[in-house]
Protein backbone atom coordinates (compact mmCIF):
# COMPACT_ATOMS: atom_id res chain seq x y z
CA MET A 1 -22.05 -16.84 -21.53
CA ASN A 2 -19.81 -15.23 -18.89
CA ARG A 3 -19.37 -16.91 -15.45
CA VAL A 4 -18.20 -14.74 -12.75
CA VAL A 5 -16.98 -15.82 -9.11
CA SER A 6 -16.99 -13.70 -6.43
CA VAL A 7 -15.05 -14.69 -3.12
CA TRP A 8 -16.18 -12.52 0.18
CA LEU A 9 -13.70 -12.49 2.92
CA PRO A 10 -15.66 -11.83 6.34
CA ASP A 11 -13.34 -9.32 8.54
CA TRP A 12 -10.78 -9.58 5.98
CA PRO A 13 -8.49 -7.01 8.29
CA VAL A 14 -8.74 -9.34 11.19
CA THR A 15 -7.58 -12.45 9.06
CA ALA A 16 -4.64 -10.48 7.55
CA PHE A 17 -3.77 -9.64 11.00
CA ARG A 18 -3.89 -12.95 12.20
CA ARG A 19 -1.96 -14.35 9.35
CA ALA A 20 0.97 -11.50 9.23
CA GLU A 21 1.33 -11.78 13.26
CA PRO A 22 -0.16 -15.08 14.46
CA ALA A 23 1.94 -14.19 17.85
CA ALA A 24 0.40 -10.92 18.77
CA ALA A 25 -3.18 -12.00 17.72
CA PRO A 26 -5.93 -12.99 20.60
CA PRO A 27 -7.04 -16.41 20.79
CA GLU A 28 -10.25 -16.75 18.54
CA GLY A 29 -12.81 -16.73 21.26
CA GLN A 30 -11.60 -13.22 22.61
CA PRO A 31 -13.15 -10.15 21.54
CA PHE A 32 -10.90 -8.63 19.27
CA ALA A 33 -11.22 -5.13 17.35
CA LEU A 34 -8.82 -2.95 15.02
CA ILE A 35 -8.87 0.44 15.85
CA GLY A 36 -8.81 3.36 13.21
CA ARG A 37 -9.15 7.20 13.29
CA GLU A 38 -11.94 8.92 11.84
CA GLY A 39 -11.79 12.55 12.58
CA GLN A 40 -10.95 12.94 16.00
CA ARG A 41 -11.91 9.74 17.22
CA GLN A 42 -10.61 6.36 17.57
CA VAL A 43 -13.41 4.02 16.19
CA LEU A 44 -13.65 0.13 15.16
CA THR A 45 -12.66 -0.68 11.75
CA ALA A 46 -13.11 -4.57 12.10
CA LEU A 47 -14.17 -7.15 14.56
CA ASN A 48 -13.90 -10.58 14.82
CA PRO A 49 -17.09 -12.79 15.39
CA ALA A 50 -16.54 -12.89 19.15
CA ALA A 51 -16.93 -9.03 19.35
CA ARG A 52 -19.68 -9.02 17.35
CA ALA A 53 -21.70 -11.49 19.13
CA LEU A 54 -21.48 -8.92 22.09
CA GLY A 55 -23.18 -6.45 20.21
CA LEU A 56 -20.25 -4.42 19.08
CA ARG A 57 -20.29 -2.69 15.46
CA MET A 58 -17.90 -1.33 12.74
CA GLY A 59 -17.62 2.53 13.13
CA GLN A 60 -18.39 2.38 16.64
CA ALA A 61 -16.45 4.47 19.38
CA HIS A 62 -13.60 2.68 20.83
CA ALA A 63 -14.36 4.49 23.99
CA ASP A 64 -18.09 3.46 23.88
CA ALA A 65 -17.18 -0.12 23.07
CA ARG A 66 -14.76 -0.45 25.78
CA ALA A 67 -17.68 0.92 28.08
CA MET A 68 -19.71 -2.24 26.89
CA VAL A 69 -17.01 -4.92 26.65
CA PRO A 70 -14.38 -4.19 29.20
CA ASP A 71 -11.94 -7.19 27.89
CA LEU A 72 -12.17 -6.06 24.32
CA ILE A 73 -8.52 -6.27 22.59
CA GLY A 74 -7.99 -3.36 20.54
CA LEU A 75 -4.98 -2.79 18.28
CA PRO A 76 -3.91 -0.18 15.60
CA ALA A 77 -5.58 -1.17 12.51
CA ARG A 78 -3.25 -1.61 9.00
CA PRO A 79 -5.08 -0.66 5.79
CA ASP A 80 -2.22 -0.59 3.76
CA GLN A 81 -0.76 -3.84 4.85
CA ASP A 82 -4.52 -5.30 4.47
CA ARG A 83 -4.70 -4.22 0.76
CA ASP A 84 -1.49 -5.74 0.24
CA ALA A 85 -2.09 -8.87 1.80
CA LEU A 86 -5.54 -8.90 -0.37
CA ARG A 87 -3.63 -8.38 -3.48
CA ARG A 88 -1.13 -11.25 -2.52
CA LEU A 89 -4.14 -13.64 -2.34
CA ALA A 90 -5.45 -12.20 -5.76
CA LEU A 91 -2.01 -13.60 -7.19
CA TRP A 92 -2.68 -16.88 -5.19
CA ALA A 93 -6.10 -17.06 -6.92
CA GLU A 94 -4.79 -17.06 -10.46
CA ARG A 95 -4.34 -20.73 -10.22
CA TYR A 96 -7.97 -20.71 -11.32
CA ALA A 97 -8.58 -17.92 -13.35
CA PRO A 98 -6.08 -15.64 -15.63
CA THR A 99 -8.10 -12.72 -14.40
CA VAL A 100 -8.46 -11.81 -10.92
CA ALA A 101 -9.80 -8.59 -9.56
CA THR A 102 -9.60 -7.49 -5.85
CA CYS A 103 -12.91 -5.85 -4.10
CA ALA A 104 -12.80 -3.34 -1.42
CA LEU A 105 -15.76 -1.08 -2.48
CA PHE A 106 -17.18 -1.21 1.33
CA PRO A 107 -15.19 -1.90 4.60
CA GLY A 108 -16.25 -5.53 5.90
CA GLN A 109 -17.14 -6.48 2.11
CA GLU A 110 -13.89 -7.23 0.88
CA GLY A 111 -13.21 -10.10 -1.51
CA LEU A 112 -12.39 -10.99 -5.12
CA PHE A 113 -13.71 -11.72 -8.28
CA LEU A 114 -12.57 -14.41 -10.84
CA ASP A 115 -13.55 -14.66 -14.46
CA MET A 116 -14.04 -18.22 -15.04
CA THR A 117 -15.76 -17.88 -17.94
CA GLY A 118 -15.25 -21.71 -20.17
CA GLY A 119 -12.80 -22.63 -17.37
CA ALA A 120 -14.93 -24.40 -14.22
CA HIS A 121 -14.74 -27.81 -16.32
CA LEU A 122 -11.12 -27.77 -15.58
CA PHE A 123 -11.97 -28.24 -12.12
CA GLY A 124 -14.90 -30.55 -12.45
CA GLY A 125 -17.59 -28.31 -12.69
CA GLU A 126 -18.83 -25.00 -11.19
CA ALA A 127 -19.89 -26.95 -7.67
CA ALA A 128 -16.36 -28.85 -7.24
CA LEU A 129 -14.77 -25.52 -8.25
CA LEU A 130 -16.29 -23.38 -5.46
CA ALA A 131 -15.71 -26.36 -2.62
CA GLU A 132 -12.14 -26.36 -3.56
CA MET A 133 -11.62 -22.95 -3.77
CA ARG A 134 -13.29 -22.15 0.03
CA ALA A 135 -11.40 -25.59 1.20
CA ARG A 136 -8.11 -24.17 0.32
CA LEU A 137 -8.50 -20.92 1.73
CA ALA A 138 -10.14 -22.28 4.88
CA ALA A 139 -7.08 -24.72 5.32
CA ALA A 140 -4.91 -21.41 4.91
CA GLY A 141 -6.72 -19.87 7.74
CA VAL A 142 -8.87 -17.67 5.52
CA PRO A 143 -12.55 -17.95 5.81
CA ALA A 144 -14.55 -17.37 2.99
CA ARG A 145 -17.92 -17.39 1.21
CA VAL A 146 -18.10 -17.97 -2.55
CA ALA A 147 -21.01 -17.65 -5.36
CA MET A 148 -20.95 -17.88 -9.29
CA ALA A 149 -23.19 -15.88 -11.45
CA ASP A 150 -23.58 -14.68 -14.97
CA THR A 151 -22.63 -10.87 -13.87
CA LEU A 152 -20.39 -9.64 -11.70
CA GLY A 153 -22.81 -7.91 -9.57
CA ALA A 154 -24.89 -10.91 -9.03
CA ALA A 155 -21.79 -12.62 -7.87
CA TRP A 156 -21.01 -10.21 -5.17
CA ALA A 157 -24.47 -10.20 -4.20
CA LEU A 158 -24.90 -13.84 -3.64
CA ALA A 159 -21.37 -14.26 -2.02
CA ARG A 160 -22.57 -11.97 0.75
CA PHE A 161 -26.00 -12.23 1.19
CA ALA A 162 -27.28 -15.85 0.17
CA PRO A 163 -27.96 -17.87 2.68
CA GLU A 164 -25.54 -20.97 1.73
CA PRO A 165 -21.53 -20.24 1.95
CA GLU A 166 -21.36 -21.68 -1.79
CA THR A 167 -24.16 -20.68 -3.93
CA ILE A 168 -24.34 -21.17 -8.03
CA ALA A 169 -26.98 -19.15 -10.02
CA PRO A 170 -27.42 -21.24 -13.03
CA PRO A 171 -26.64 -19.75 -16.22
CA GLY A 172 -29.69 -17.49 -17.30
CA GLY A 173 -31.27 -17.69 -13.89
CA THR A 174 -29.79 -14.51 -12.19
CA ARG A 175 -33.52 -12.84 -12.17
CA GLU A 176 -34.65 -15.88 -9.91
CA ALA A 177 -31.62 -16.04 -7.76
CA LEU A 178 -31.38 -12.08 -6.83
CA ALA A 179 -35.14 -11.97 -6.09
CA ASP A 180 -35.34 -12.56 -2.58
CA LEU A 181 -32.09 -10.96 -1.66
CA PRO A 182 -32.25 -7.59 0.24
CA VAL A 183 -31.48 -4.18 -1.71
CA ALA A 184 -28.38 -3.74 -0.02
CA ALA A 185 -27.04 -6.72 -2.32
CA LEU A 186 -26.87 -4.56 -5.14
CA ARG A 187 -24.08 -2.40 -3.56
CA LEU A 188 -25.91 0.14 -2.92
CA GLN A 189 -24.70 3.23 -0.02
CA PRO A 190 -26.49 3.00 2.91
CA ALA A 191 -28.82 6.21 1.91
CA ALA A 192 -29.83 4.43 -0.72
CA VAL A 193 -30.81 1.33 0.98
CA THR A 194 -32.55 3.33 3.77
CA LEU A 195 -34.51 5.66 0.95
CA LEU A 196 -35.83 2.56 -0.96
CA GLY A 197 -37.04 0.84 2.33
CA ARG A 198 -39.43 4.49 3.13
CA PHE A 199 -41.12 3.10 -0.08
CA GLY A 200 -41.19 -0.51 0.92
CA LEU A 201 -38.83 -1.74 -1.47
CA ARG A 202 -36.78 -4.11 0.45
CA ARG A 203 -36.21 -6.75 -1.74
CA ILE A 204 -34.60 -6.83 -5.19
CA GLY A 205 -37.37 -8.39 -6.58
CA ASP A 206 -39.48 -5.51 -5.78
CA LEU A 207 -37.70 -3.54 -8.05
CA TYR A 208 -37.94 -5.75 -11.19
CA ALA A 209 -41.78 -4.35 -11.88
CA LEU A 210 -40.73 -0.72 -11.91
CA PRO A 211 -39.88 0.92 -14.86
CA ARG A 212 -36.22 2.22 -15.19
CA ALA A 213 -37.06 5.98 -15.81
CA GLY A 214 -39.49 6.14 -13.21
CA LEU A 215 -37.21 4.43 -10.49
CA ALA A 216 -34.51 7.16 -11.42
CA ARG A 217 -37.27 9.96 -11.21
CA ARG A 218 -38.40 9.19 -7.88
CA PHE A 219 -35.25 8.94 -6.29
CA ARG A 220 -33.90 12.23 -7.59
CA GLY A 221 -30.42 12.82 -7.75
CA GLU A 222 -27.32 10.42 -7.49
CA ALA A 223 -29.36 7.64 -5.54
CA GLY A 224 -31.89 6.86 -7.83
CA LEU A 225 -29.19 6.77 -10.60
CA ALA A 226 -27.01 4.67 -8.72
CA VAL A 227 -30.00 2.30 -8.34
CA VAL A 228 -30.85 1.95 -11.55
CA GLU A 229 -27.28 1.63 -12.59
CA ARG A 230 -26.55 -1.18 -9.97
CA LEU A 231 -29.64 -3.13 -10.96
CA ASP A 232 -28.90 -3.24 -14.51
CA GLN A 233 -25.25 -4.30 -13.88
CA ALA A 234 -26.53 -6.86 -11.77
CA LEU A 235 -29.03 -8.20 -14.27
CA GLY A 236 -26.46 -8.29 -16.95
CA ALA A 237 -28.37 -5.29 -18.96
CA ALA A 238 -25.39 -3.08 -18.37
CA GLY A 239 -21.67 -3.68 -18.95
CA GLU A 240 -18.92 -3.90 -15.68
CA ALA A 241 -15.28 -3.54 -15.99
CA VAL A 242 -12.90 -4.89 -13.54
CA ASP A 243 -9.27 -3.84 -13.11
CA PRO A 244 -7.06 -7.07 -12.36
CA VAL A 245 -4.35 -7.21 -10.26
CA ARG A 246 -2.18 -7.65 -13.26
CA PRO A 247 -2.72 -8.20 -17.04
CA PRO A 248 -4.05 -11.49 -17.56
CA PRO A 249 -0.98 -13.85 -19.48
CA VAL A 250 -1.27 -14.17 -23.55
CA TYR A 251 -0.60 -18.05 -22.81
CA ARG A 252 -0.13 -20.17 -19.96
CA ALA A 253 0.58 -23.76 -19.24
CA TRP A 254 -0.01 -25.07 -15.21
CA MET A 255 0.33 -28.30 -13.20
CA VAL A 256 -1.61 -29.21 -10.05
CA PHE A 257 -0.12 -31.69 -7.76
CA ALA A 258 -1.76 -34.04 -5.38
CA GLU A 259 1.37 -33.50 -2.83
CA PRO A 260 3.01 -30.26 -2.31
CA LEU A 261 6.79 -29.43 -4.05
CA LEU A 262 8.99 -28.83 -1.09
CA ASP A 263 12.11 -27.74 -2.49
CA THR A 264 13.19 -25.74 -5.68
CA ALA A 265 14.72 -29.13 -7.18
CA GLY A 266 11.05 -30.67 -7.82
CA VAL A 267 10.14 -27.14 -9.36
CA ASP A 268 13.23 -27.32 -11.71
CA HIS A 269 12.59 -31.23 -12.78
CA ARG A 270 8.82 -30.20 -13.85
CA LEU A 271 10.02 -27.23 -15.61
CA ASP A 272 10.96 -28.82 -19.08
CA ASP A 273 6.85 -30.12 -18.97
CA LEU A 274 5.57 -26.68 -18.58
CA ALA A 275 7.77 -25.27 -21.32
CA ARG A 276 7.05 -27.60 -23.70
CA GLU A 277 3.36 -27.20 -23.36
CA LEU A 278 3.75 -23.49 -23.39
CA ALA A 279 5.79 -23.99 -26.43
CA ARG A 280 3.18 -25.69 -28.07
CA GLN A 281 0.56 -23.20 -27.56
CA LEU A 282 2.93 -20.70 -28.70
CA ASP A 283 3.83 -22.37 -32.22
CA ARG A 284 0.05 -23.17 -32.75
CA ASP A 285 -0.20 -19.38 -33.40
CA GLY A 286 2.88 -18.60 -34.83
CA GLN A 287 3.99 -16.59 -31.69
CA GLY A 288 7.23 -16.26 -29.46
CA ALA A 289 7.26 -15.21 -26.01
CA ARG A 290 8.51 -11.79 -25.03
CA ARG A 291 8.21 -12.01 -21.06
CA LEU A 292 8.28 -15.14 -18.97
CA THR A 293 6.80 -15.66 -15.48
CA LEU A 294 7.18 -19.05 -13.62
CA THR A 295 4.33 -18.72 -10.62
CA ALA A 296 4.53 -21.37 -7.68
CA PHE A 297 1.35 -21.35 -5.77
CA ARG A 298 2.00 -22.15 -1.97
CA VAL A 299 -0.06 -24.19 0.45
CA ASP A 300 -0.36 -21.16 2.67
CA GLY A 301 -2.20 -19.15 0.50
CA ARG A 302 0.50 -16.98 -1.08
CA ALA A 303 1.89 -16.81 -4.97
CA VAL A 304 5.56 -16.58 -5.36
CA GLY A 305 7.36 -15.69 -8.98
CA LEU A 306 10.15 -15.19 -11.16
CA SER A 307 9.98 -13.41 -14.29
CA ALA A 308 12.26 -12.91 -17.34
CA GLY A 309 12.31 -10.93 -20.39
CA LEU A 310 13.22 -12.27 -23.81
CA SER A 311 15.14 -9.69 -26.29
CA ALA A 312 13.47 -11.39 -29.08
CA PRO A 313 10.31 -13.66 -29.86
CA ALA A 314 11.40 -17.05 -28.89
CA ALA A 315 9.27 -20.48 -28.55
CA ARG A 316 11.85 -23.12 -27.86
CA PRO A 317 11.39 -25.03 -24.59
CA ALA A 318 15.06 -25.17 -24.37
CA HIS A 319 15.78 -21.55 -24.26
CA LEU A 320 12.66 -20.88 -22.15
CA THR A 321 13.97 -23.43 -19.41
CA ARG A 322 17.41 -22.36 -19.92
CA LEU A 323 16.72 -18.77 -19.30
CA LEU A 324 14.70 -19.17 -16.25
CA ARG A 325 17.20 -21.26 -14.50
CA GLU A 326 19.77 -18.72 -15.33
CA LYS A 327 17.30 -16.25 -13.42
CA GLY A 328 17.78 -18.82 -10.53
CA LEU A 329 15.40 -21.07 -9.54
CA GLU A 330 16.88 -21.40 -6.13
CA HIS A 331 15.30 -17.71 -5.03
CA LEU A 332 11.71 -19.11 -5.28
CA ASP A 333 10.46 -19.17 -1.52
CA LEU A 334 8.24 -22.30 -1.54
CA GLY A 335 7.41 -21.76 2.26
CA PHE A 336 5.82 -25.16 3.12
CA GLY A 337 5.13 -26.35 -0.17
CA ALA A 338 3.93 -25.58 -3.42
CA ASP A 339 0.89 -27.53 -5.03
CA ALA A 340 0.40 -25.66 -8.42
CA LEU A 341 2.79 -24.16 -10.96
CA MET A 342 2.00 -22.22 -13.58
CA LEU A 343 4.13 -20.77 -16.78
CA SER A 344 2.86 -17.92 -18.36
CA ALA A 345 3.88 -15.72 -21.20
CA ASP A 346 2.81 -12.33 -20.17
CA ARG A 347 4.06 -10.59 -23.48
CA ALA A 348 4.20 -12.37 -26.87
CA GLU A 349 4.90 -11.64 -30.47
CA PRO A 350 4.81 -12.84 -33.91
CA LEU A 351 7.69 -14.97 -34.98
CA ALA A 352 9.09 -13.64 -37.88
CA ALA A 353 9.48 -16.42 -40.63
CA ARG A 354 13.18 -16.78 -41.90
CA GLN A 355 13.89 -18.72 -45.19
CA GLY A 356 17.82 -20.17 -44.47
CA GLU A 357 18.24 -20.71 -48.44
CA MET A 358 17.68 -16.65 -48.89
CA THR A 359 19.56 -15.16 -45.79
CA GLY A 360 22.29 -17.90 -45.21
CA GLU A 361 21.80 -20.74 -42.60
CA ARG A 362 24.76 -19.25 -40.77
CA ALA A 363 23.13 -16.03 -40.45
CA VAL A 364 19.86 -17.35 -39.16
CA VAL A 365 21.80 -19.38 -36.52
CA ALA A 366 23.97 -16.58 -35.47
CA ALA A 367 20.78 -14.30 -34.63
CA ASP A 368 19.67 -17.10 -32.68
CA ALA A 369 22.51 -17.58 -30.85
CA LEU A 370 22.83 -13.85 -29.78
CA ALA A 371 19.60 -13.16 -28.78
CA ALA A 372 20.24 -16.31 -26.26
CA LEU A 373 23.35 -15.12 -25.04
CA ILE A 374 21.84 -11.47 -24.81
CA ASP A 375 18.84 -13.16 -22.78
CA ARG A 376 21.39 -15.16 -20.62
CA LEU A 377 23.11 -12.01 -19.68
CA GLN A 378 20.08 -9.99 -19.07
CA ALA A 379 18.90 -12.93 -16.69
CA LYS A 380 22.14 -12.63 -14.71
CA LEU A 381 22.85 -8.98 -15.03
CA GLY A 382 19.58 -7.68 -15.31
CA GLU A 383 17.36 -6.28 -17.86
CA ASP A 384 18.59 -3.02 -18.08
CA ALA A 385 22.31 -3.80 -17.74
CA VAL A 386 23.12 -5.30 -20.94
CA ARG A 387 23.22 -2.48 -23.74
CA GLN A 388 24.41 -1.64 -27.18
CA PRO A 389 24.91 1.50 -29.19
CA VAL A 390 22.82 2.45 -31.73
CA LEU A 391 22.92 5.28 -34.71
CA ALA A 392 21.48 8.62 -33.84
CA GLU A 393 20.05 11.24 -36.36
CA SER A 394 23.17 13.47 -36.03
CA TRP A 395 25.94 14.30 -37.92
CA THR A 396 27.98 15.44 -35.04
CA PRO A 397 30.48 12.27 -34.17
CA GLU A 398 29.76 12.70 -30.23
CA ARG A 399 26.06 12.97 -30.64
CA SER A 400 25.57 9.97 -33.63
CA GLU A 401 25.12 7.36 -31.20
CA ARG A 402 22.92 6.46 -28.36
CA TRP A 403 22.64 3.40 -25.81
CA ILE A 404 19.40 1.05 -25.81
CA ARG A 405 18.73 -2.04 -24.29
CA ALA A 406 20.65 -4.99 -26.34
CA SER A 407 18.41 -7.05 -28.68
CA PRO A 408 19.28 -8.86 -31.93
CA GLU A 409 17.31 -6.51 -34.16
CA ALA A 410 19.19 -3.76 -32.92
CA ALA A 411 22.56 -5.53 -33.61
CA ALA A 412 21.82 -6.40 -37.22
CA VAL A 413 21.93 -2.85 -37.92
CA SER A 414 24.72 -1.94 -39.86
CA VAL A 415 26.55 1.18 -41.66
CA ALA A 416 25.99 1.66 -45.12
CA ASP A 417 29.32 0.68 -47.18
CA ASP A 418 29.72 4.65 -48.68
CA ASP A 419 30.25 5.80 -44.84
CA PRO A 420 33.50 7.56 -44.27
CA ALA A 421 35.63 5.41 -41.88
CA ARG A 422 35.66 6.01 -38.51
CA PRO A 423 37.70 5.38 -35.57
CA LEU A 424 37.19 2.34 -33.41
CA MET A 425 38.00 4.40 -30.27
CA LEU A 426 36.41 7.93 -29.93
CA PHE A 427 37.04 10.34 -27.24
CA ASP A 428 33.97 12.04 -25.73
CA PRO A 429 34.85 15.01 -25.14
CA PRO A 430 37.36 15.54 -27.71
CA GLU A 431 41.21 16.10 -26.53
CA PRO A 432 42.94 19.27 -27.41
CA VAL A 433 46.19 19.32 -29.39
CA GLN A 434 48.31 21.85 -30.45
CA THR A 435 49.03 21.65 -34.43
CA MET A 436 51.76 23.32 -37.19
CA ALA A 437 51.01 23.56 -40.46
CA GLU A 438 52.53 25.53 -43.53
CA LEU A 439 49.09 27.36 -44.07
CA PRO A 440 46.25 28.55 -41.30
CA ASP A 441 43.60 26.23 -42.90
CA GLY A 442 46.17 23.59 -44.33
CA LEU A 443 46.68 20.10 -43.69
CA PRO A 444 48.51 19.52 -40.09
CA ALA A 445 52.59 19.00 -40.19
CA GLN A 446 53.06 18.04 -36.67
CA PHE A 447 50.98 17.90 -33.67
CA VAL A 448 51.25 17.58 -29.61
CA TRP A 449 49.25 15.52 -27.86
CA ARG A 450 49.45 14.76 -24.24
CA ARG A 451 52.51 16.52 -24.10
CA VAL A 452 54.41 14.35 -27.23
CA ALA A 453 55.04 15.60 -30.22
CA ARG A 454 54.10 13.65 -33.06
CA LYS A 455 55.07 14.74 -36.58
CA VAL A 456 52.56 13.98 -39.55
CA ALA A 457 53.89 11.48 -42.28
CA ARG A 458 50.61 11.21 -44.00
CA ALA A 459 47.19 13.13 -43.84
CA GLU A 460 43.84 12.93 -45.76
CA GLY A 461 41.11 15.32 -45.55
CA PRO A 462 38.97 17.65 -44.98
CA GLU A 463 35.94 15.83 -44.33
CA ARG A 464 33.86 19.10 -43.49
CA LEU A 465 30.76 18.82 -40.87
CA SER A 466 29.09 21.84 -40.49
CA ALA A 467 27.36 22.76 -36.86
CA GLU A 468 24.17 21.62 -35.75
CA TRP A 469 22.39 25.08 -36.06
CA TRP A 470 19.34 23.94 -34.28
CA ARG A 471 21.05 23.04 -30.81
CA PRO A 472 21.12 25.98 -28.85
CA ALA A 473 24.49 27.15 -27.63
CA ALA A 474 24.87 27.99 -23.38
CA ARG A 475 26.47 30.96 -24.41
CA PRO A 476 26.18 32.89 -27.68
CA GLU A 477 30.19 33.52 -27.94
CA ARG A 478 30.60 29.80 -27.87
CA ALA A 479 27.79 28.92 -30.55
CA PRO A 480 29.04 25.59 -32.35
CA ARG A 481 31.16 26.10 -35.44
CA THR A 482 31.91 24.00 -38.58
CA ARG A 483 34.72 21.10 -38.26
CA ASP A 484 37.31 20.10 -40.62
CA TYR A 485 38.47 16.45 -40.06
CA TYR A 486 41.70 15.08 -40.98
CA ARG A 487 42.99 11.16 -40.82
CA VAL A 488 46.43 11.42 -40.24
CA GLU A 489 49.43 8.95 -39.76
CA ASP A 490 52.74 9.79 -37.68
CA GLN A 491 56.41 8.30 -38.42
CA ASP A 492 55.43 5.36 -35.99
CA GLY A 493 52.72 4.42 -38.12
CA ARG A 494 49.82 5.40 -35.59
CA ARG A 495 46.39 6.51 -37.04
CA TYR A 496 44.53 9.66 -35.67
CA TRP A 497 41.36 11.66 -36.29
CA LEU A 498 42.12 15.17 -35.68
CA PHE A 499 39.63 18.43 -36.42
CA ARG A 500 40.16 21.89 -36.60
CA GLU A 501 36.80 23.81 -35.28
CA GLY A 502 36.22 27.09 -36.87
CA LEU A 503 37.15 28.51 -40.02
CA TYR A 504 39.92 31.17 -40.53
CA GLY A 505 38.64 34.54 -41.35
CA ARG A 506 34.98 33.36 -41.63
CA GLU A 507 33.72 32.10 -38.06
CA ASP A 508 36.18 34.17 -35.68
CA ALA A 509 33.43 35.19 -33.09
CA PRO A 510 34.24 38.52 -31.47
CA PRO A 511 35.66 37.92 -27.97
CA ALA A 512 33.33 38.27 -24.86
CA GLU A 513 34.61 41.28 -22.59
CA GLY A 514 37.89 40.01 -21.01
CA GLU A 515 38.55 36.86 -22.99
CA PRO A 516 40.95 36.39 -25.95
CA PRO A 517 39.76 36.16 -29.64
CA ARG A 518 38.25 33.03 -30.57
CA GLU A 519 40.25 31.44 -33.04
CA PRO A 520 40.19 28.13 -34.86
CA THR A 521 41.39 25.28 -32.36
CA TRP A 522 42.69 21.44 -32.99
CA TRP A 523 41.23 18.49 -31.21
CA LEU A 524 41.79 14.78 -31.43
CA HIS A 525 38.68 12.99 -31.77
CA GLY A 526 39.77 9.25 -31.91
CA VAL A 527 42.76 6.98 -32.73
CA PHE A 528 42.37 3.83 -35.40
CA ALA A 529 43.02 0.65 -34.73
């Protein structure tokens, strides 16, 4: 059975402001509000308990609030920063569950959802989990109310409307736990709550006896459909998906410490144990990590992380730890200390079994060493900084390769033995040369390249490459033409790759107005080692 934890953060914008700018925040007992715009008016968007105790309310005009409470301190609201702070708090909550989502359905009702299915026993049970969670948030200056239930809707309702700050609806006891709560606990819009009140339906239990079809008909339009949908979601008759702040890791290993780690040396000391546990999980399923994340959960309610990608699936602890150390553990900002660490494989792929006797033990070792080298270079230089060429579907030499992120699989691709020889160094674009030949379409006898004349001692060719007719030309009179390639050697033993573009008498395009005739031309495309 599913078990969901809902964390309600009362007055979250005020809490986020105090945490971000403690020097600018007024004392706790001073009436304080955040001010936003609603059309042409300035209104209160968040209040602290002192301001609420004096009768102020959210949505009230700022001028009216100042008339009621002259010593009210008002500062500009920061909704974007509030959302970012809520997301950071959700990342911290991943110490308890791999799937955490933010909830900001209504102003003043911001909170978190945690999928704790099958995980509460790791923290001493459900009651101990809620107590620890709330205590840690309070220590970080974040007041909270928490609840656990079978459904997301029920947990949301209990966290905000139950009399106790820590509430647990036992498995299978959702209907009884929600029966006495007001209908507003179903996450309904104020108009729907008002409409239900007119019919005397003020508690969720009042809706149980009403048929779903009749309930939807009685409250026409979207309000009626919303009541039925929210009731079914809270009771588990209808499913509800959440959008986690980041995809849950495929595998994870974590540690909790009684005393916080104050520096990265302590993190480094425990990294080997985390890697061994993660490798054990990966080996169990025949998987290898393709992306690692080391997360440190700070005592102030923040989470900091370090991520690294792998060019090939890997599950060896030594390789995983070396990669993270190369990435730079010293960059982790632990603040006043971290009381938990998590090493996760955010992406994993099956490990391909390789038989050394068939493929050669040296080839297997070389492939592993290449993968480790690529990973270390990417950790130092950046994942997109290490690249390699691969073959592309084009017989034109300058288009026959493209650059991709380096990986052992791509590096293993080789050219077939029957492919013609190509020089190690190609010029892109090819460089023009002037040639002399006994016949116009014969072998070159001499050519001039970079103002130096070179006499041909040996020549081999041609290797004919036709034009790629499907590639449109920028100008019709400059359409691509056939190439005849020659491997030539000069009297000093230097070897070159020349080609003639165009066929005499067959691909002579008529010249454009004001231009000379377009005759075949010679080019140097590369040099052999």
